[in-house]
Amino acid sequence: MTLFTPEDLLLYLYKESSSELTIAIDMALREDWTLREKLQEIQSSVDGLEKITVAPRMEVILKVMQYARETAVESIQHHP
């Protein structure tokens, strides 16, 4: 029984593992249910990361909009 690191399994999931490692993991997955579970856990974590979105807080957006309004008014007042 070969032990695979989480890094090995990540390489496998992203199809970046060597052909030898890919074959070894494929063979082990057929017989080792704990390895299949570990791979599924890692896959779930990766799927969760891909769904993360980042957005600024509404407070930040409002401050930027306020700054834009103020500088727009100043620009108009200085250029008749």
Protein backbone atom coordinates (compact mmCIF):
# COMPACT_ATOMS: atom_id res chain seq x y z
CA MET A 1 0.00 0.00 0.00
CA THR A 2 1.48 3.32 -1.08
CA LEU A 3 0.87 6.42 0.99
CA PHE A 4 -0.02 9.53 -0.97
CA THR A 5 0.32 13.04 0.41
CA PRO A 6 -2.42 15.64 0.08
CA GLU A 7 -0.11 17.38 -2.38
CA ASP A 8 0.00 14.23 -4.52
CA LEU A 9 -3.79 14.13 -4.56
CA LEU A 10 -4.03 17.81 -5.47
CA LEU A 11 -1.65 17.28 -8.37
CA TYR A 12 -3.81 14.33 -9.42
CA LEU A 13 -7.03 16.37 -9.23
CA TYR A 14 -5.56 19.19 -11.29
CA LYS A 15 -4.07 16.68 -13.75
CA GLU A 16 -0.56 17.94 -13.01
CA SER A 17 0.85 14.72 -11.59
CA SER A 18 3.44 12.69 -13.43
CA SER A 19 2.19 9.76 -15.46
CA GLU A 20 3.73 7.36 -12.92
CA LEU A 21 1.97 9.07 -10.01
CA THR A 22 -1.32 9.19 -11.92
CA ILE A 23 -1.17 5.46 -12.64
CA ALA A 24 -0.27 4.67 -9.03
CA ILE A 25 -3.15 6.77 -7.69
CA ASP A 26 -5.60 5.30 -10.22
CA MET A 27 -4.64 1.78 -9.14
CA ALA A 28 -4.82 2.64 -5.44
CA LEU A 29 -8.23 4.29 -5.82
CA ARG A 30 -9.67 1.04 -7.16
CA GLU A 31 -8.82 -0.81 -3.97
CA ASP A 32 -8.48 1.74 -1.16
CA TRP A 33 -11.76 3.24 0.02
CA THR A 34 -10.01 5.51 2.53
CA LEU A 35 -7.98 7.03 -0.29
CA ARG A 36 -11.20 7.57 -2.27
CA GLU A 37 -12.68 9.36 0.76
CA LYS A 38 -9.58 11.55 1.14
CA LEU A 39 -9.73 12.41 -2.55
CA GLN A 40 -13.42 13.29 -2.26
CA GLU A 41 -12.70 15.52 0.76
CA ILE A 42 -10.00 17.36 -1.14
CA GLN A 43 -12.27 17.68 -4.19
CA SER A 44 -15.02 19.17 -1.99
CA SER A 45 -12.56 21.66 -0.52
CA VAL A 46 -11.34 22.66 -3.98
CA ASP A 47 -14.93 23.06 -5.21
CA GLY A 48 -15.67 25.27 -2.20
CA LEU A 49 -12.69 27.49 -2.96
CA GLU A 50 -13.81 27.97 -6.54
CA LYS A 51 -17.18 29.29 -5.34
CA ILE A 52 -15.69 32.00 -3.12
CA THR A 53 -16.35 35.50 -4.36
CA VAL A 54 -14.82 38.66 -3.01
CA ALA A 55 -16.69 41.95 -2.93
CA PRO A 56 -16.03 45.23 -1.13
CA ARG A 57 -18.20 46.19 1.81
CA MET A 58 -21.05 48.57 1.00
CA GLU A 59 -19.43 51.19 3.26
CA VAL A 60 -16.35 51.24 1.03
CA ILE A 61 -18.44 51.58 -2.13
CA LEU A 62 -20.40 54.48 -0.64
CA LYS A 63 -17.19 56.28 0.40
CA VAL A 64 -15.74 55.91 -3.10
CA MET A 65 -18.97 57.22 -4.64
CA GLN A 66 -19.00 60.17 -2.22
CA TYR A 67 -15.38 60.98 -3.08
CA ALA A 68 -16.20 60.82 -6.79
CA ARG A 69 -19.13 63.22 -6.34
CA GLU A 70 -17.01 65.67 -4.33
CA THR A 71 -14.14 65.68 -6.82
CA ALA A 72 -16.55 66.00 -9.74
CA VAL A 73 -18.11 69.11 -8.14
CA GLU A 74 -14.65 70.59 -7.44
CA SER A 75 -13.59 69.92 -11.02
CA ILE A 76 -16.67 71.66 -12.40
CA GLN A 77 -16.22 74.66 -10.08
CA HIS A 78 -12.57 75.16 -11.06
CA HIS A 79 -13.16 74.89 -14.82
CA PRO A 80 -15.88 77.30 -15.95
